[in-house]
Amino acid sequence: MSNNILNQIKSDLDSFVGKEVHLKANQGRRKIMEKEGVLEETYSNVFVVKVDDNQTPRRISYSYADVLTETVEIKIKENNMKIGCISI
């Protein structure tokens, strides 16, 4: 069942490749990183976000399981839609 959910998260992200996103990642020990960037690519197990940190572009990758477990929160900026959120 969880494999279905991971596939759904991947397909949701596939449709937003090239769009601006807002990332919020829990890095442990009360450290939370918030960045804005562009969803650059989706692969079979991870997705890549390109962020501009102090004029230096970086690429950050996360797994779809990170989104499922809410370690990483990703929102599409144009419509403020949260990926991986199950709405009832």
Protein backbone atom coordinates (compact mmCIF):
# COMPACT_ATOMS: atom_id res chain seq x y z
CA MET A 1 0.00 0.00 0.00
CA SER A 2 2.78 2.48 0.86
CA ASN A 3 4.36 1.83 -2.56
CA ASN A 4 1.12 3.14 -4.13
CA ILE A 5 1.34 6.29 -2.03
CA LEU A 6 4.99 6.84 -2.97
CA ASN A 7 4.08 6.43 -6.65
CA GLN A 8 1.28 8.97 -6.21
CA ILE A 9 3.67 11.48 -4.62
CA LYS A 10 6.11 10.95 -7.52
CA SER A 11 3.40 11.45 -10.14
CA ASP A 12 2.18 14.58 -8.34
CA LEU A 13 5.72 16.00 -8.38
CA ASP A 14 6.23 14.95 -12.03
CA SER A 15 3.50 17.35 -13.08
CA PHE A 16 5.28 20.29 -11.39
CA VAL A 17 8.83 19.86 -12.74
CA GLY A 18 10.18 23.31 -13.61
CA LYS A 19 7.89 25.12 -11.15
CA GLU A 20 8.94 27.16 -8.13
CA VAL A 21 8.53 25.39 -4.80
CA HIS A 22 8.89 26.13 -1.09
CA LEU A 23 10.76 23.49 0.94
CA LYS A 24 10.60 23.00 4.66
CA ALA A 25 12.88 20.20 5.89
CA ASN A 26 13.34 18.88 9.40
CA GLN A 27 17.07 18.29 9.89
CA GLY A 28 16.88 16.97 13.45
CA ARG A 29 17.74 18.54 16.78
CA ARG A 30 15.17 21.29 16.30
CA LYS A 31 16.82 22.45 13.07
CA ILE A 32 14.39 23.30 10.30
CA MET A 33 15.60 24.46 6.91
CA GLU A 34 13.30 26.57 4.73
CA LYS A 35 14.31 27.25 1.12
CA GLU A 36 12.71 28.30 -2.12
CA GLY A 37 13.80 26.90 -5.43
CA VAL A 38 12.79 25.14 -8.62
CA LEU A 39 11.75 21.49 -8.81
CA GLU A 40 14.41 20.41 -11.28
CA GLU A 41 13.96 16.67 -11.82
CA THR A 42 12.20 13.59 -10.51
CA TYR A 43 13.84 10.17 -10.52
CA SER A 44 12.57 6.76 -9.49
CA ASN A 45 13.42 7.20 -5.80
CA VAL A 46 14.33 10.88 -5.31
CA PHE A 47 13.50 14.37 -6.53
CA VAL A 48 15.91 17.29 -6.97
CA VAL A 49 15.30 20.94 -6.10
CA LYS A 50 17.65 23.67 -7.32
CA VAL A 51 18.04 26.49 -4.78
CA ASP A 52 20.03 29.71 -5.02
CA ASP A 53 21.94 30.13 -1.77
CA ASN A 54 23.77 33.46 -1.64
CA GLN A 55 24.14 33.65 -5.44
CA THR A 56 25.45 30.05 -5.55
CA PRO A 57 23.06 27.51 -7.06
CA ARG A 58 22.83 24.22 -5.17
CA ARG A 59 20.87 21.07 -5.76
CA ILE A 60 19.17 19.31 -2.89
CA SER A 61 17.64 15.86 -3.23
CA TYR A 62 15.06 14.15 -1.08
CA SER A 63 13.24 10.84 -1.29
CA TYR A 64 9.50 10.49 -1.72
CA ALA A 65 9.46 8.70 1.65
CA ASP A 66 10.70 11.97 3.22
CA VAL A 67 7.54 13.63 1.92
CA LEU A 68 5.36 10.74 3.09
CA THR A 69 6.78 10.84 6.63
CA GLU A 70 6.55 14.65 6.63
CA THR A 71 10.30 15.07 7.20
CA VAL A 72 10.11 17.29 4.12
CA GLU A 73 7.18 19.55 3.28
CA ILE A 74 7.01 20.78 -0.30
CA LYS A 75 4.55 23.41 -1.54
CA ILE A 76 4.04 24.62 -5.09
CA LYS A 77 4.36 28.40 -4.99
CA GLU A 78 1.92 29.31 -7.78
CA ASN A 79 -1.10 27.71 -6.09
CA ASN A 80 0.23 27.08 -2.54
CA MET A 81 -0.59 23.37 -2.91
CA LYS A 82 1.13 21.00 -0.48
CA ILE A 83 2.40 17.77 -2.06
CA GLY A 84 1.83 14.56 -0.14
CA CYS A 85 -1.05 15.96 1.87
CA ILE A 86 -4.05 13.66 1.97
CA SER A 87 -7.17 15.81 1.95
CA ILE A 88 -10.52 14.44 2.99
